[in-house]
Amino acid sequence: MPAPPLRLLPWTTPEGKPCYLSTDDHGSRLSLLADDIEEDQLDSGEQVLAGARAVLGDAKAGERAVRFALTRATEALQDALRIAVSRGARLETGTEVSFK
């Protein structure tokens, strides 16, 4: 039986390298933790988006506010892209993907 495909996890090593999980148990503790963290990251991304829109809609917002909003938006986009890649790879292999 072939090994299960690797799941890209929603965090990196301290050096910034990707982390992967090899399991066919989608209900394992680590799988469920990764699902929860992905959900938290997506929720946070929604909050960052709302904040960035507010800053962009404020004609009086200064450079610091715009830079802060853009920095947070960049981080949220990076998280969302990592989640999309991870879930997309699992869809391609027919592995169950949890969308809460």
N, C-alpha and C. Protein backbone atom coordinates (compact mmCIF):
# COMPACT_ATOMS: atom_id res chain seq x y z
N MET A 1 0.84 -1.17 0.00
CA MET A 1 0.00 0.00 0.00
C MET A 1 0.89 1.25 0.00
N PRO A 2 0.62 2.20 -0.87
CA PRO A 2 1.46 3.39 -0.92
C PRO A 2 1.28 4.25 0.32
N ALA A 3 2.33 5.00 0.64
CA ALA A 3 2.28 5.91 1.79
C ALA A 3 1.26 7.01 1.52
N PRO A 4 0.60 7.50 2.57
CA PRO A 4 -0.35 8.59 2.37
C PRO A 4 0.38 9.85 1.90
N PRO A 5 -0.31 10.71 1.15
CA PRO A 5 0.34 11.93 0.70
C PRO A 5 0.65 12.83 1.90
N LEU A 6 1.66 13.64 1.75
CA LEU A 6 2.03 14.56 2.82
C LEU A 6 1.07 15.75 2.84
N ARG A 7 0.69 16.16 4.03
CA ARG A 7 -0.17 17.33 4.19
C ARG A 7 0.71 18.52 4.59
N LEU A 8 0.63 19.59 3.83
CA LEU A 8 1.31 20.82 4.19
C LEU A 8 0.60 21.41 5.40
N LEU A 9 1.34 21.61 6.47
CA LEU A 9 0.76 22.12 7.70
C LEU A 9 0.75 23.65 7.71
N PRO A 10 -0.14 24.26 8.50
CA PRO A 10 -0.28 25.71 8.49
C PRO A 10 0.75 26.44 9.35
N TRP A 11 1.90 25.85 9.54
CA TRP A 11 2.99 26.52 10.27
C TRP A 11 4.30 26.10 9.65
N THR A 12 5.34 26.80 10.03
CA THR A 12 6.68 26.51 9.51
C THR A 12 7.62 26.22 10.68
N THR A 13 8.81 25.77 10.33
CA THR A 13 9.85 25.58 11.34
C THR A 13 10.35 26.96 11.78
N PRO A 14 11.11 27.02 12.86
CA PRO A 14 11.68 28.31 13.26
C PRO A 14 12.54 28.96 12.16
N GLU A 15 13.05 28.14 11.25
CA GLU A 15 13.85 28.67 10.14
C GLU A 15 12.99 29.07 8.95
N GLY A 16 11.67 28.90 9.07
CA GLY A 16 10.76 29.29 7.99
C GLY A 16 10.51 28.21 6.95
N LYS A 17 10.96 27.00 7.21
CA LYS A 17 10.76 25.90 6.25
C LYS A 17 9.39 25.27 6.47
N PRO A 18 8.78 24.73 5.42
CA PRO A 18 7.45 24.13 5.55
C PRO A 18 7.49 22.87 6.41
N CYS A 19 6.38 22.60 7.07
CA CYS A 19 6.20 21.38 7.85
C CYS A 19 5.12 20.54 7.17
N TYR A 20 5.31 19.23 7.21
CA TYR A 20 4.38 18.30 6.57
C TYR A 20 3.97 17.22 7.56
N LEU A 21 2.80 16.66 7.33
CA LEU A 21 2.29 15.56 8.13
C LEU A 21 2.01 14.38 7.20
N SER A 22 2.47 13.21 7.61
CA SER A 22 2.19 11.99 6.87
C SER A 22 1.28 11.12 7.73
N THR A 23 0.01 11.07 7.37
CA THR A 23 -0.94 10.21 8.08
C THR A 23 -2.15 9.97 7.18
N ASP A 24 -2.77 8.84 7.39
CA ASP A 24 -4.03 8.58 6.69
C ASP A 24 -5.19 8.71 7.68
N ASP A 25 -4.90 9.17 8.90
CA ASP A 25 -5.92 9.37 9.93
C ASP A 25 -6.27 10.86 9.99
N HIS A 26 -7.35 11.24 9.33
CA HIS A 26 -7.75 12.65 9.27
C HIS A 26 -8.34 13.14 10.58
N GLY A 27 -8.54 12.22 11.52
CA GLY A 27 -9.03 12.58 12.84
C GLY A 27 -7.94 12.55 13.90
N SER A 28 -6.68 12.43 13.46
CA SER A 28 -5.59 12.40 14.43
C SER A 28 -5.47 13.76 15.12
N ARG A 29 -4.84 13.75 16.28
CA ARG A 29 -4.68 15.00 17.03
C ARG A 29 -3.99 16.08 16.20
N LEU A 30 -2.93 15.70 15.51
CA LEU A 30 -2.19 16.69 14.73
C LEU A 30 -3.01 17.18 13.54
N SER A 31 -3.76 16.30 12.90
CA SER A 31 -4.64 16.71 11.79
C SER A 31 -5.70 17.68 12.28
N LEU A 32 -6.31 17.37 13.42
CA LEU A 32 -7.35 18.24 13.97
C LEU A 32 -6.78 19.57 14.43
N LEU A 33 -5.57 19.55 15.00
CA LEU A 33 -4.90 20.79 15.39
C LEU A 33 -4.65 21.66 14.16
N ALA A 34 -4.16 21.05 13.08
CA ALA A 34 -3.92 21.78 11.84
C ALA A 34 -5.22 22.36 11.30
N ASP A 35 -6.31 21.60 11.35
CA ASP A 35 -7.62 22.10 10.91
C ASP A 35 -8.03 23.32 11.73
N ASP A 36 -7.85 23.24 13.05
CA ASP A 36 -8.22 24.36 13.93
C ASP A 36 -7.37 25.59 13.66
N ILE A 37 -6.09 25.40 13.45
CA ILE A 37 -5.21 26.53 13.18
C ILE A 37 -5.55 27.17 11.84
N GLU A 38 -5.84 26.35 10.83
CA GLU A 38 -6.26 26.90 9.54
C GLU A 38 -7.53 27.74 9.70
N GLU A 39 -8.48 27.24 10.47
CA GLU A 39 -9.73 27.98 10.70
C GLU A 39 -9.45 29.30 11.41
N ASP A 40 -8.58 29.27 12.41
CA ASP A 40 -8.20 30.50 13.11
C ASP A 40 -7.51 31.48 12.17
N GLN A 41 -6.64 30.97 11.30
CA GLN A 41 -5.95 31.84 10.35
C GLN A 41 -6.93 32.48 9.38
N LEU A 42 -7.91 31.72 8.92
CA LEU A 42 -8.90 32.29 8.00
C LEU A 42 -9.78 33.32 8.70
N ASP A 43 -10.16 33.05 9.95
CA ASP A 43 -10.93 34.02 10.72
C ASP A 43 -10.13 35.31 10.93
N SER A 44 -8.87 35.15 11.26
CA SER A 44 -7.99 36.31 11.45
C SER A 44 -7.86 37.09 10.14
N GLY A 45 -7.76 36.38 9.03
CA GLY A 45 -7.67 37.03 7.73
C GLY A 45 -8.89 37.89 7.43
N GLU A 46 -10.06 37.42 7.83
CA GLU A 46 -11.28 38.21 7.64
C GLU A 46 -11.21 39.49 8.46
N GLN A 47 -10.70 39.40 9.69
CA GLN A 47 -10.56 40.59 10.54
C GLN A 47 -9.53 41.56 9.96
N VAL A 48 -8.43 41.02 9.47
CA VAL A 48 -7.40 41.86 8.86
C VAL A 48 -7.95 42.57 7.63
N LEU A 49 -8.72 41.85 6.83
CA LEU A 49 -9.33 42.45 5.64
C LEU A 49 -10.25 43.61 6.01
N ALA A 50 -11.07 43.41 7.03
CA ALA A 50 -11.97 44.48 7.47
C ALA A 50 -11.17 45.69 7.96
N GLY A 51 -10.11 45.44 8.71
CA GLY A 51 -9.27 46.53 9.19
C GLY A 51 -8.57 47.27 8.06
N ALA A 52 -8.06 46.52 7.09
CA ALA A 52 -7.38 47.13 5.95
C ALA A 52 -8.35 47.98 5.13
N ARG A 53 -9.56 47.47 4.95
CA ARG A 53 -10.56 48.26 4.21
C ARG A 53 -10.87 49.56 4.95
N ALA A 54 -10.95 49.48 6.27
CA ALA A 54 -11.22 50.69 7.06
C ALA A 54 -10.10 51.70 6.91
N VAL A 55 -8.87 51.24 6.96
CA VAL A 55 -7.72 52.15 6.79
C VAL A 55 -7.74 52.76 5.40
N LEU A 56 -7.96 51.93 4.39
CA LEU A 56 -7.97 52.44 3.02
C LEU A 56 -9.13 53.40 2.78
N GLY A 57 -10.21 53.23 3.51
CA GLY A 57 -11.37 54.11 3.36
C GLY A 57 -11.24 55.41 4.13
N ASP A 58 -10.21 55.52 4.95
CA ASP A 58 -9.99 56.71 5.77
C ASP A 58 -8.99 57.62 5.07
N ALA A 59 -9.48 58.70 4.49
CA ALA A 59 -8.60 59.63 3.76
C ALA A 59 -7.53 60.25 4.66
N LYS A 60 -7.75 60.22 5.97
CA LYS A 60 -6.80 60.82 6.91
C LYS A 60 -5.78 59.81 7.45
N ALA A 61 -5.90 58.57 7.03
CA ALA A 61 -4.97 57.54 7.52
C ALA A 61 -3.56 57.88 7.07
N GLY A 62 -2.65 57.84 8.01
CA GLY A 62 -1.27 58.16 7.70
C GLY A 62 -0.50 56.97 7.15
N GLU A 63 0.74 57.26 6.80
CA GLU A 63 1.60 56.22 6.23
C GLU A 63 1.78 55.04 7.18
N ARG A 64 1.95 55.31 8.47
CA ARG A 64 2.13 54.22 9.44
C ARG A 64 0.93 53.29 9.46
N ALA A 65 -0.27 53.85 9.44
CA ALA A 65 -1.48 53.03 9.47
C ALA A 65 -1.59 52.19 8.21
N VAL A 66 -1.28 52.79 7.07
CA VAL A 66 -1.35 52.07 5.80
C VAL A 66 -0.30 50.96 5.76
N ARG A 67 0.91 51.27 6.22
CA ARG A 67 1.98 50.26 6.23
C ARG A 67 1.61 49.09 7.16
N PHE A 68 1.06 49.43 8.33
CA PHE A 68 0.65 48.39 9.27
C PHE A 68 -0.43 47.51 8.64
N ALA A 69 -1.44 48.12 8.06
CA ALA A 69 -2.52 47.37 7.43
C ALA A 69 -1.99 46.48 6.30
N LEU A 70 -1.08 47.01 5.51
CA LEU A 70 -0.52 46.23 4.40
C LEU A 70 0.33 45.07 4.92
N THR A 71 1.09 45.32 5.98
CA THR A 71 1.90 44.25 6.56
C THR A 71 1.02 43.12 7.07
N ARG A 72 -0.03 43.45 7.81
CA ARG A 72 -0.95 42.43 8.33
C ARG A 72 -1.66 41.72 7.18
N ALA A 73 -2.07 42.47 6.15
CA ALA A 73 -2.76 41.87 5.01
C ALA A 73 -1.83 40.90 4.27
N THR A 74 -0.57 41.25 4.17
CA THR A 74 0.41 40.37 3.52
C THR A 74 0.55 39.07 4.30
N GLU A 75 0.61 39.17 5.62
CA GLU A 75 0.71 37.97 6.46
C GLU A 75 -0.54 37.09 6.32
N ALA A 76 -1.70 37.73 6.32
CA ALA A 76 -2.95 36.97 6.19
C ALA A 76 -3.05 36.31 4.82
N LEU A 77 -2.60 37.00 3.78
CA LEU A 77 -2.62 36.42 2.44
C LEU A 77 -1.67 35.23 2.36
N GLN A 78 -0.52 35.33 2.98
CA GLN A 78 0.43 34.21 2.99
C GLN A 78 -0.20 32.99 3.66
N ASP A 79 -0.89 33.20 4.79
CA ASP A 79 -1.57 32.09 5.46
C ASP A 79 -2.65 31.49 4.57
N ALA A 80 -3.45 32.34 3.95
CA ALA A 80 -4.55 31.85 3.09
C ALA A 80 -4.01 31.06 1.90
N LEU A 81 -2.92 31.52 1.32
CA LEU A 81 -2.32 30.80 0.18
C LEU A 81 -1.78 29.44 0.62
N ARG A 82 -1.16 29.38 1.80
CA ARG A 82 -0.65 28.11 2.31
C ARG A 82 -1.81 27.13 2.52
N ILE A 83 -2.92 27.62 3.07
CA ILE A 83 -4.10 26.78 3.28
C ILE A 83 -4.66 26.30 1.94
N ALA A 84 -4.72 27.19 0.96
CA ALA A 84 -5.23 26.82 -0.36
C ALA A 84 -4.35 25.75 -1.01
N VAL A 85 -3.05 25.90 -0.90
CA VAL A 85 -2.13 24.91 -1.48
C VAL A 85 -2.31 23.57 -0.78
N SER A 86 -2.39 23.60 0.55
CA SER A 86 -2.54 22.36 1.31
C SER A 86 -3.85 21.66 0.96
N ARG A 87 -4.93 22.40 0.97
CA ARG A 87 -6.22 21.78 0.68
C ARG A 87 -6.33 21.36 -0.78
N GLY A 88 -5.77 22.15 -1.67
CA GLY A 88 -5.78 21.79 -3.08
C GLY A 88 -5.03 20.50 -3.34
N ALA A 89 -3.90 20.33 -2.68
CA ALA A 89 -3.11 19.11 -2.85
C ALA A 89 -3.88 17.90 -2.34
N ARG A 90 -4.62 18.08 -1.25
CA ARG A 90 -5.40 16.96 -0.72
C ARG A 90 -6.59 16.64 -1.60
N LEU A 91 -7.16 17.65 -2.25
CA LEU A 91 -8.27 17.40 -3.18
C LEU A 91 -7.77 16.62 -4.40
N GLU A 92 -6.59 16.99 -4.88
CA GLU A 92 -6.02 16.32 -6.07
C GLU A 92 -5.77 14.85 -5.82
N THR A 93 -5.43 14.50 -4.56
CA THR A 93 -5.12 13.10 -4.26
C THR A 93 -6.33 12.36 -3.74
N GLY A 94 -7.46 13.06 -3.64
CA GLY A 94 -8.67 12.42 -3.15
C GLY A 94 -8.72 12.28 -1.65
N THR A 95 -7.81 12.97 -0.94
CA THR A 95 -7.78 12.92 0.50
C THR A 95 -8.86 13.83 1.05
N GLU A 96 -9.51 13.39 2.12
CA GLU A 96 -10.58 14.17 2.74
C GLU A 96 -10.06 15.52 3.21
N VAL A 97 -10.82 16.57 2.91
CA VAL A 97 -10.48 17.92 3.35
C VAL A 97 -11.63 18.45 4.17
N SER A 98 -11.31 18.96 5.34
CA SER A 98 -12.34 19.51 6.23
C SER A 98 -12.49 21.00 5.97
N PHE A 99 -13.68 21.44 5.61
CA PHE A 99 -13.99 22.85 5.44
C PHE A 99 -15.02 23.20 6.48
N LYS A 100 -14.59 23.79 7.58
CA LYS A 100 -15.51 24.12 8.68
C LYS A 100 -16.39 25.28 8.32
